[in-house]
Amino acid sequence: MIFGKKINEPLSKEEFLSLCICQTCPTYVECEQTPAVKAFCHPTFGKSACITQQKGCLCGSCRVKQKMKLKHFYFCVLGSEEQQEK
């Protein structure tokens, strides 16, 4: 669970978006279906409808991932932490 008692430092959706580096990633693709989406690790967004190829991942250096202690990568292709846990 990302929000709630299992995570030491839950972030608001606004904090996710302000710290997000998804749009600087080599894998990121601008998408007409979800033009405002970034922070693919956030459960509201999850994986991209347009990104299908893994071309490098910056998730490991993302402050959101570090603050939330997320363990997965390639959220844009594979889905949010919760989606990848299933």
Protein backbone atom coordinates (compact mmCIF):
# COMPACT_ATOMS: atom_id res chain seq x y z
CA MET A 1 0.00 0.00 0.00
CA ILE A 2 1.49 3.33 -1.01
CA PHE A 3 -0.68 5.69 1.03
CA GLY A 4 -1.30 4.84 4.65
CA LYS A 5 0.52 3.36 7.57
CA LYS A 6 2.79 0.98 5.67
CA ILE A 7 4.87 3.83 4.24
CA ASN A 8 6.85 6.10 6.55
CA GLU A 9 6.55 9.25 4.45
CA PRO A 10 3.37 9.39 2.37
CA LEU A 11 3.38 12.12 -0.28
CA SER A 12 0.40 14.01 -1.59
CA LYS A 13 -0.40 13.86 -5.30
CA GLU A 14 0.92 17.42 -5.63
CA GLU A 15 4.23 16.43 -3.99
CA PHE A 16 4.50 13.45 -6.34
CA LEU A 17 4.10 15.75 -9.33
CA SER A 18 6.52 18.39 -8.05
CA LEU A 19 9.29 15.82 -7.42
CA CYS A 20 8.61 13.68 -10.49
CA ILE A 21 11.35 13.25 -13.11
CA CYS A 22 9.41 10.99 -15.50
CA GLN A 23 9.40 13.56 -18.32
CA THR A 24 13.22 13.69 -18.30
CA CYS A 25 13.58 9.93 -18.72
CA PRO A 26 14.87 8.42 -22.01
CA THR A 27 11.86 6.07 -22.03
CA TYR A 28 9.30 8.88 -21.69
CA VAL A 29 7.07 9.54 -24.71
CA GLU A 30 4.60 12.43 -25.02
CA CYS A 31 1.14 10.92 -25.26
CA GLU A 32 -2.13 12.30 -26.63
CA GLN A 33 -4.23 9.83 -24.60
CA THR A 34 -2.74 11.04 -21.31
CA PRO A 35 -1.06 14.40 -22.01
CA ALA A 36 -0.86 15.63 -18.42
CA VAL A 37 0.25 12.34 -16.90
CA LYS A 38 3.57 11.98 -15.23
CA ALA A 39 4.51 10.32 -11.93
CA PHE A 40 3.69 6.89 -13.30
CA CYS A 41 4.57 5.38 -9.91
CA HIS A 42 1.51 7.12 -8.43
CA PRO A 43 -1.46 4.71 -8.24
CA THR A 44 -3.79 7.30 -9.81
CA PHE A 45 -1.71 7.30 -12.99
CA GLY A 46 0.04 3.94 -13.35
CA LYS A 47 1.55 2.88 -16.64
CA SER A 48 1.42 4.92 -19.81
CA ALA A 49 -0.99 4.18 -22.63
CA CYS A 50 1.74 5.13 -25.13
CA ILE A 51 5.11 4.06 -23.72
CA THR A 52 5.89 0.52 -24.82
CA GLN A 53 9.69 0.38 -25.13
CA GLN A 54 12.19 0.48 -22.29
CA LYS A 55 14.99 2.84 -23.36
CA GLY A 56 16.58 3.51 -19.98
CA CYS A 57 15.15 4.16 -16.54
CA LEU A 58 15.74 7.10 -14.19
CA CYS A 59 13.45 5.75 -11.46
CA GLY A 60 16.42 4.80 -9.30
CA SER A 61 17.47 8.46 -9.00
CA CYS A 62 13.93 9.81 -8.48
CA ARG A 63 13.21 11.49 -5.16
CA VAL A 64 9.64 10.15 -5.20
CA LYS A 65 10.92 6.57 -5.39
CA GLN A 66 13.44 7.24 -2.63
CA LYS A 67 11.00 9.03 -0.30
CA MET A 68 8.30 6.40 -0.79
CA LYS A 69 10.80 3.53 -0.57
CA LEU A 70 9.42 2.03 -3.77
CA LYS A 71 11.19 -1.11 -4.93
CA HIS A 72 10.13 -1.42 -8.58
CA PHE A 73 11.31 0.34 -11.76
CA TYR A 74 9.89 1.23 -15.19
CA PHE A 75 6.59 2.42 -13.73
CA CYS A 76 5.70 3.99 -17.10
CA VAL A 77 5.78 0.59 -18.82
CA LEU A 78 5.00 -1.84 -15.98
CA GLY A 79 2.62 0.21 -13.85
CA SER A 80 2.58 1.76 -10.38
CA GLU A 81 4.10 0.05 -7.36
CA GLU A 82 0.68 -1.36 -6.49
CA GLN A 83 0.11 -2.63 -10.04
CA GLN A 84 3.51 -4.35 -10.08
CA GLU A 85 2.84 -5.98 -6.71
CA LYS A 86 -0.15 -7.91 -8.13
